N, C-alpha and C. Protein backbone atom coordinates (compact mmCIF):
# COMPACT_ATOMS: atom_id res chain seq x y z
N MET A 1 1.59 -11.36 13.86
CA MET A 1 2.16 -9.92 13.57
C MET A 1 1.53 -9.54 12.11
N GLU A 2 1.44 -10.46 11.31
CA GLU A 2 0.94 -10.11 9.92
C GLU A 2 -0.56 -9.73 9.96
N GLU A 3 -1.46 -10.36 10.74
CA GLU A 3 -2.73 -9.95 10.80
C GLU A 3 -2.88 -8.58 11.60
N ASN A 4 -2.08 -8.41 12.42
CA ASN A 4 -1.91 -6.79 13.03
C ASN A 4 -1.62 -5.98 12.09
N LEU A 5 -0.72 -6.17 11.26
CA LEU A 5 -0.15 -5.22 10.21
C LEU A 5 -1.28 -5.08 9.11
N LYS A 6 -1.94 -6.08 8.72
CA LYS A 6 -3.16 -5.96 7.84
C LYS A 6 -4.23 -5.08 8.61
N ALA A 7 -4.49 -5.44 9.79
CA ALA A 7 -5.54 -4.49 10.45
C ALA A 7 -4.98 -2.99 10.31
N LEU A 8 -3.87 -2.69 10.87
CA LEU A 8 -3.22 -1.30 10.81
C LEU A 8 -3.44 -0.80 9.47
N TYR A 9 -2.90 -1.53 8.47
CA TYR A 9 -2.93 -1.05 7.09
C TYR A 9 -4.47 -0.75 6.52
N THR A 10 -5.37 -1.49 6.95
CA THR A 10 -6.93 -1.26 6.69
C THR A 10 -7.24 0.01 7.38
N GLN A 11 -6.88 0.22 8.65
CA GLN A 11 -7.27 1.33 9.50
C GLN A 11 -6.56 2.52 8.81
N GLU A 12 -5.48 2.61 8.48
CA GLU A 12 -4.83 3.71 7.94
C GLU A 12 -5.50 4.14 6.43
N ILE A 13 -5.86 3.20 5.79
CA ILE A 13 -6.66 3.64 4.49
C ILE A 13 -8.12 4.07 4.82
N ASP A 14 -8.63 3.47 5.74
CA ASP A 14 -10.21 3.92 5.99
C ASP A 14 -10.22 5.20 6.80
N GLN A 15 -9.14 5.65 7.35
CA GLN A 15 -9.18 6.93 7.95
C GLN A 15 -8.26 7.94 7.16
N PHE A 16 -7.98 7.53 5.88
CA PHE A 16 -7.45 8.47 4.98
C PHE A 16 -6.06 9.02 5.19
N ARG A 17 -5.34 8.33 6.17
CA ARG A 17 -3.85 8.63 6.55
C ARG A 17 -3.01 8.13 5.34
N LEU A 18 -3.48 7.01 4.77
CA LEU A 18 -2.77 6.41 3.72
C LEU A 18 -3.67 6.48 2.49
N ASP A 19 -3.61 7.49 1.65
CA ASP A 19 -4.57 7.72 0.64
C ASP A 19 -3.98 7.64 -0.70
N PHE A 20 -4.20 6.57 -1.26
CA PHE A 20 -3.61 6.35 -2.71
C PHE A 20 -4.39 7.12 -3.73
N ASP A 21 -5.59 7.22 -3.54
CA ASP A 21 -6.40 8.06 -4.44
C ASP A 21 -6.03 9.50 -4.69
N HIS A 22 -5.38 10.08 -3.77
CA HIS A 22 -5.06 11.47 -3.87
C HIS A 22 -3.44 11.62 -4.16
N ASN A 23 -2.87 10.58 -4.45
CA ASN A 23 -1.41 10.53 -4.78
C ASN A 23 -1.22 10.72 -6.33
N PRO A 24 -0.75 12.03 -6.81
CA PRO A 24 -0.73 11.93 -8.36
C PRO A 24 0.13 10.99 -9.05
N GLU A 25 1.31 10.62 -8.37
CA GLU A 25 2.10 9.67 -9.11
C GLU A 25 1.48 8.18 -9.04
N TYR A 26 0.90 8.01 -7.95
CA TYR A 26 0.15 6.71 -8.01
C TYR A 26 -0.97 6.59 -8.90
N GLN A 27 -1.73 7.59 -9.03
CA GLN A 27 -2.91 7.64 -9.86
C GLN A 27 -2.35 7.73 -11.31
N ALA A 28 -1.31 8.25 -11.82
CA ALA A 28 -0.80 8.20 -13.01
C ALA A 28 -0.35 6.82 -13.49
N TYR A 29 0.20 6.00 -12.58
CA TYR A 29 0.55 4.64 -12.95
C TYR A 29 -0.65 3.83 -12.93
N TYR A 30 -1.62 4.12 -11.97
CA TYR A 30 -2.87 3.32 -11.91
C TYR A 30 -3.76 3.55 -13.18
N THR A 31 -3.75 4.67 -13.73
CA THR A 31 -4.55 5.15 -14.93
C THR A 31 -3.86 4.37 -16.10
N GLN A 32 -2.44 4.41 -16.24
CA GLN A 32 -1.74 3.69 -17.25
C GLN A 32 -2.21 2.13 -17.08
N ALA A 33 -2.15 1.45 -15.99
CA ALA A 33 -2.49 0.05 -15.83
C ALA A 33 -3.90 -0.11 -16.31
N GLU A 34 -4.86 0.64 -15.95
CA GLU A 34 -6.36 0.48 -16.26
C GLU A 34 -6.32 0.60 -17.78
N ALA A 35 -5.57 1.47 -18.54
CA ALA A 35 -5.73 1.70 -20.05
C ALA A 35 -5.45 0.41 -20.85
N ILE A 36 -4.68 -0.45 -20.28
CA ILE A 36 -4.17 -1.63 -20.91
C ILE A 36 -5.54 -2.62 -21.24
N TRP A 37 -6.51 -2.48 -20.51
CA TRP A 37 -7.67 -3.34 -20.68
C TRP A 37 -8.86 -2.50 -21.21
N LYS A 38 -9.72 -3.02 -22.12
CA LYS A 38 -10.79 -2.10 -22.68
C LYS A 38 -11.85 -1.81 -21.61
N GLY A 39 -12.18 -0.53 -21.61
CA GLY A 39 -13.15 -0.26 -20.52
C GLY A 39 -12.49 0.07 -19.06
N GLY A 40 -11.23 -0.04 -19.01
CA GLY A 40 -10.59 0.10 -17.66
C GLY A 40 -10.98 -1.07 -16.69
N ASP A 41 -11.52 -2.18 -17.17
CA ASP A 41 -11.71 -3.24 -16.32
C ASP A 41 -10.70 -4.12 -15.98
N MET A 42 -9.90 -3.80 -14.96
CA MET A 42 -8.67 -4.54 -14.61
C MET A 42 -9.06 -5.87 -14.17
N PRO A 43 -8.64 -6.93 -14.57
CA PRO A 43 -8.75 -8.20 -14.13
C PRO A 43 -8.51 -8.27 -12.50
N PRO A 44 -9.53 -9.01 -11.79
CA PRO A 44 -9.39 -9.06 -10.35
C PRO A 44 -7.99 -9.47 -9.93
N ALA A 45 -7.28 -10.35 -10.63
CA ALA A 45 -6.05 -10.99 -10.25
C ALA A 45 -5.01 -9.66 -10.28
N VAL A 46 -5.08 -8.85 -11.29
CA VAL A 46 -4.14 -7.79 -11.33
C VAL A 46 -4.42 -6.76 -10.33
N PHE A 47 -5.72 -6.52 -10.06
CA PHE A 47 -6.04 -5.52 -9.01
C PHE A 47 -5.48 -6.22 -7.69
N HIS A 48 -5.65 -7.45 -7.48
CA HIS A 48 -5.01 -8.06 -6.10
C HIS A 48 -3.58 -7.93 -6.03
N LEU A 49 -3.08 -8.09 -7.14
CA LEU A 49 -1.47 -8.01 -7.12
C LEU A 49 -1.23 -6.55 -6.71
N LEU A 50 -1.84 -5.50 -7.24
CA LEU A 50 -1.51 -4.14 -6.81
C LEU A 50 -1.86 -3.95 -5.35
N GLU A 51 -2.87 -4.33 -4.86
CA GLU A 51 -3.38 -4.26 -3.52
C GLU A 51 -2.27 -5.00 -2.65
N THR A 52 -1.83 -6.22 -3.12
CA THR A 52 -0.91 -6.97 -2.37
C THR A 52 0.49 -6.13 -2.21
N GLY A 53 1.02 -5.61 -3.39
CA GLY A 53 2.16 -4.70 -3.47
C GLY A 53 1.99 -3.68 -2.46
N ASN A 54 0.88 -2.97 -2.38
CA ASN A 54 0.65 -1.79 -1.67
C ASN A 54 0.83 -2.16 -0.03
N PHE A 55 0.18 -3.44 0.33
CA PHE A 55 0.34 -3.85 1.70
C PHE A 55 1.77 -4.17 1.96
N LEU A 56 2.48 -4.82 1.04
CA LEU A 56 3.93 -5.23 1.33
C LEU A 56 4.66 -4.06 1.66
N SER A 57 4.40 -3.06 0.75
CA SER A 57 5.36 -1.90 0.94
C SER A 57 4.94 -1.19 2.19
N PHE A 58 3.88 -1.20 2.62
CA PHE A 58 3.37 -0.61 4.03
C PHE A 58 4.03 -1.40 5.19
N ALA A 59 3.78 -2.69 5.03
CA ALA A 59 4.52 -3.63 6.00
C ALA A 59 5.93 -3.59 6.18
N HIS A 60 6.78 -3.22 4.96
CA HIS A 60 8.12 -3.15 5.05
C HIS A 60 8.44 -1.89 5.69
N GLY A 61 7.72 -0.72 5.25
CA GLY A 61 8.09 0.50 5.98
C GLY A 61 7.73 0.55 7.39
N PHE A 62 6.69 -0.24 7.82
CA PHE A 62 6.41 -0.27 9.35
C PHE A 62 7.54 -0.90 10.05
N ARG A 63 7.84 -2.28 9.47
CA ARG A 63 9.05 -2.97 10.06
C ARG A 63 10.47 -2.20 10.24
N LEU A 64 10.74 -1.51 9.09
CA LEU A 64 11.88 -0.65 9.07
C LEU A 64 11.71 0.50 10.09
N GLY A 65 10.69 1.08 10.29
CA GLY A 65 10.48 2.18 11.19
C GLY A 65 10.71 1.63 12.56
N ALA A 66 9.99 0.52 12.82
CA ALA A 66 10.09 -0.09 14.13
C ALA A 66 11.63 -0.52 14.48
N ARG A 67 12.31 -0.97 13.42
CA ARG A 67 13.77 -1.31 13.84
C ARG A 67 14.59 0.04 14.05
N LEU A 68 14.21 1.00 13.17
CA LEU A 68 15.12 2.16 13.52
C LEU A 68 14.76 2.83 14.76
N ALA A 69 13.48 2.80 15.26
CA ALA A 69 13.16 3.21 16.62
C ALA A 69 13.85 2.55 17.60
N GLY A 70 13.99 1.08 17.54
CA GLY A 70 14.75 0.42 18.50
C GLY A 70 16.25 0.71 18.30
N TRP A 71 16.78 0.93 17.28
CA TRP A 71 18.16 1.26 17.08
C TRP A 71 18.32 2.67 17.80
N VAL A 72 17.60 3.62 17.50
CA VAL A 72 17.56 4.91 18.18
C VAL A 72 17.62 4.75 19.71
N ARG A 73 16.82 3.91 20.21
CA ARG A 73 16.70 3.79 21.74
C ARG A 73 17.88 3.14 22.24
N THR A 74 18.53 2.29 21.55
CA THR A 74 19.66 1.56 22.09
C THR A 74 21.03 2.23 21.74
N GLY A 75 20.93 3.02 20.72
CA GLY A 75 22.16 3.86 20.28
C GLY A 75 22.42 5.02 21.08
């Protein structure tokens, strides 16, 4: 299931349906994070942490949506 979610997450980003670059709130926080390091070169581990957090949020939302859809069908 996790591999399918990762593939769906990547597809959503590639097709610009999940677009962090055009979200003003996300960009404000990302810019603040980049400013911590000289030249804005965020360490790869920190960038990976942000990417992992984004995926986990997407996966949680997807699973919640699936549970809600099941609840609506049975309710």
